[in-house]
Amino acid sequence: MGRILAIDYGTKRTGIAVTDPLRIIPGGLATVATHELWSFLADYMNREQVDIIVMGYPLNMNGEDSASMTQIRPFVAKLTKQYPEKKIVMFDERFTSVIAQRAILDSGIGRMARRNKALVDEVSATIILESFMDSKQYKEI
């Protein structure tokens, strides 16, 4: 059984989270400059077995795609072509940045660390992964 990897794609930075090999514990892996994402993923996929990739799916409050889907769709298409053996799942990421900021605040991390947007991206990816693992969508895979 391979890991589940979650991606919170952004135009500048991308947060990445992953499960342990038994898919029990989700955790933050990294925040990567988006222009370095392909090399990061290639390196990680060569070292670790990943079976499922969960892409954060940014929706507006009315349920329609957000503007950032114009960058995410081509990324997902290339990801599907690059890794055809992996199951790629789109998962609603509404509110993950807000939840991540709240989790960071509640953790007692200092003010300067809370301003670290890279930390927010990684925590957001972890929340996407955690939410996916709790979802009916995951249980049906």
Protein backbone atom coordinates (compact mmCIF):
# COMPACT_ATOMS: atom_id res chain seq x y z
CA MET A 1 0.00 0.00 0.00
CA GLY A 2 1.39 3.38 -1.01
CA ARG A 3 1.14 6.76 0.60
CA ILE A 4 -1.44 9.44 -0.12
CA LEU A 5 0.07 12.76 -1.15
CA ALA A 6 -1.94 16.01 -0.99
CA ILE A 7 -1.15 19.15 -2.96
CA ASP A 8 -2.34 22.66 -2.14
CA TYR A 9 -1.34 24.27 -5.44
CA GLY A 10 -0.54 27.96 -5.55
CA THR A 11 0.89 30.24 -8.21
CA LYS A 12 3.97 31.05 -6.08
CA ARG A 13 4.16 28.28 -3.47
CA THR A 14 2.64 24.82 -3.19
CA GLY A 15 2.00 23.05 0.09
CA ILE A 16 2.49 19.30 0.19
CA ALA A 17 1.36 16.78 2.79
CA VAL A 18 1.65 13.01 2.89
CA THR A 19 0.53 10.03 4.93
CA ASP A 20 2.72 7.41 6.49
CA PRO A 21 3.02 4.17 4.44
CA LEU A 22 0.04 2.62 6.26
CA ARG A 23 -2.14 5.66 5.51
CA ILE A 24 -2.89 6.28 9.16
CA ILE A 25 -1.20 9.58 9.95
CA PRO A 26 -1.26 12.64 7.67
CA GLY A 27 1.49 15.21 8.06
CA GLY A 28 3.04 18.19 6.38
CA LEU A 29 5.89 17.36 4.03
CA ALA A 30 7.06 20.64 2.50
CA THR A 31 6.24 23.91 0.88
CA VAL A 32 7.85 24.14 -2.53
CA ALA A 33 8.23 27.06 -4.91
CA THR A 34 5.70 26.17 -7.62
CA HIS A 35 8.29 26.49 -10.38
CA GLU A 36 10.26 23.70 -8.61
CA LEU A 37 7.23 21.46 -8.03
CA TRP A 38 7.82 19.02 -10.91
CA SER A 39 11.38 18.22 -9.85
CA PHE A 40 10.29 17.89 -6.21
CA LEU A 41 7.50 15.46 -7.15
CA ALA A 42 9.77 13.42 -9.43
CA ASP A 43 12.36 13.08 -6.68
CA TYR A 44 9.76 12.18 -4.05
CA MET A 45 7.96 9.66 -6.30
CA ASN A 46 11.31 7.95 -7.01
CA ARG A 47 11.98 7.55 -3.29
CA GLU A 48 8.50 6.75 -1.95
CA GLN A 49 5.53 4.73 -3.13
CA VAL A 50 2.53 7.00 -3.64
CA ASP A 51 -0.76 5.52 -4.84
CA ILE A 52 -3.14 8.47 -4.51
CA ILE A 53 -2.61 12.17 -5.16
CA VAL A 54 -5.20 14.51 -3.68
CA MET A 55 -5.39 17.90 -5.36
CA GLY A 56 -6.94 20.76 -3.47
CA TYR A 57 -9.95 21.86 -5.52
CA PRO A 58 -10.59 25.55 -4.92
CA LEU A 59 -14.29 26.34 -5.16
CA ASN A 60 -16.11 29.61 -4.64
CA MET A 61 -18.80 29.80 -1.98
CA ASN A 62 -21.46 29.18 -4.64
CA GLY A 63 -19.78 25.87 -5.57
CA GLU A 64 -18.31 27.09 -8.87
CA ASP A 65 -14.63 26.79 -9.77
CA SER A 66 -12.44 29.61 -8.49
CA ALA A 67 -10.21 31.63 -10.81
CA SER A 68 -7.14 29.60 -9.78
CA MET A 69 -8.57 26.55 -11.55
CA THR A 70 -7.16 28.03 -14.78
CA GLN A 71 -3.69 27.09 -13.47
CA ILE A 72 -4.72 23.92 -11.65
CA ARG A 73 -6.47 22.21 -14.59
CA PRO A 74 -3.34 22.16 -16.81
CA PHE A 75 -1.27 21.00 -13.83
CA VAL A 76 -3.67 18.11 -13.15
CA ALA A 77 -3.71 17.17 -16.85
CA LYS A 78 0.10 17.01 -16.89
CA LEU A 79 0.14 15.15 -13.57
CA THR A 80 -2.28 12.55 -14.99
CA LYS A 81 -0.09 12.13 -18.07
CA GLN A 82 3.16 12.01 -16.07
CA TYR A 83 1.84 9.53 -13.48
CA PRO A 84 -0.91 7.47 -15.17
CA GLU A 85 -0.62 4.71 -12.55
CA LYS A 86 -1.56 7.09 -9.71
CA LYS A 87 -5.15 7.81 -8.73
CA ILE A 88 -5.66 11.58 -8.80
CA VAL A 89 -8.54 12.96 -6.78
CA MET A 90 -9.85 16.52 -6.67
CA PHE A 91 -10.99 17.49 -3.16
CA ASP A 92 -12.81 20.63 -2.01
CA GLU A 93 -10.34 22.93 -0.28
CA ARG A 94 -12.68 25.77 0.73
CA PHE A 95 -11.67 27.30 4.06
CA THR A 96 -8.41 25.35 4.38
CA SER A 97 -6.26 28.50 4.52
CA VAL A 98 -8.51 29.99 7.21
CA ILE A 99 -8.49 26.73 9.18
CA ALA A 100 -4.70 26.50 8.76
CA GLN A 101 -4.18 30.03 10.06
CA ARG A 102 -6.44 29.26 13.04
CA ALA A 103 -4.56 26.01 13.77
CA ILE A 104 -1.23 27.84 13.63
CA LEU A 105 -2.55 30.58 15.93
CA ASP A 106 -3.95 28.01 18.38
CA SER A 107 -0.63 26.12 18.42
CA GLY A 108 1.08 28.97 20.24
CA ILE A 109 3.62 29.66 17.51
CA GLY A 110 5.10 33.16 17.73
CA ARG A 111 3.84 36.08 15.68
CA MET A 112 6.72 36.10 13.19
CA ALA A 113 6.35 32.38 12.48
CA ARG A 114 2.59 32.85 11.96
CA ARG A 115 3.34 35.29 9.15
CA ASN A 116 5.24 32.58 7.30
CA LYS A 117 3.01 31.91 4.29
CA ALA A 118 4.94 28.75 3.47
CA LEU A 119 3.87 27.30 6.82
CA VAL A 120 0.23 28.15 6.05
CA ASP A 121 0.53 26.37 2.67
CA GLU A 122 1.95 23.21 4.24
CA VAL A 123 -0.65 23.18 7.00
CA SER A 124 -3.37 23.77 4.38
CA ALA A 125 -2.17 20.73 2.44
CA THR A 126 -2.25 18.71 5.66
CA ILE A 127 -5.82 19.83 6.34
CA ILE A 128 -6.83 18.87 2.78
CA LEU A 129 -5.28 15.44 3.32
CA GLU A 130 -6.87 14.99 6.73
CA SER A 131 -10.29 16.05 5.43
CA PHE A 132 -9.98 13.71 2.46
CA MET A 133 -9.08 10.78 4.73
CA ASP A 134 -12.19 11.50 6.81
CA SER A 135 -14.43 11.78 3.77
CA LYS A 136 -16.90 9.42 2.17
CA GLN A 137 -14.97 9.95 -1.09
CA TYR A 138 -11.89 8.24 0.43
CA LYS A 139 -13.87 5.41 1.94
CA GLU A 140 -15.29 4.62 -1.52
CA ILE A 141 -11.84 4.21 -3.14
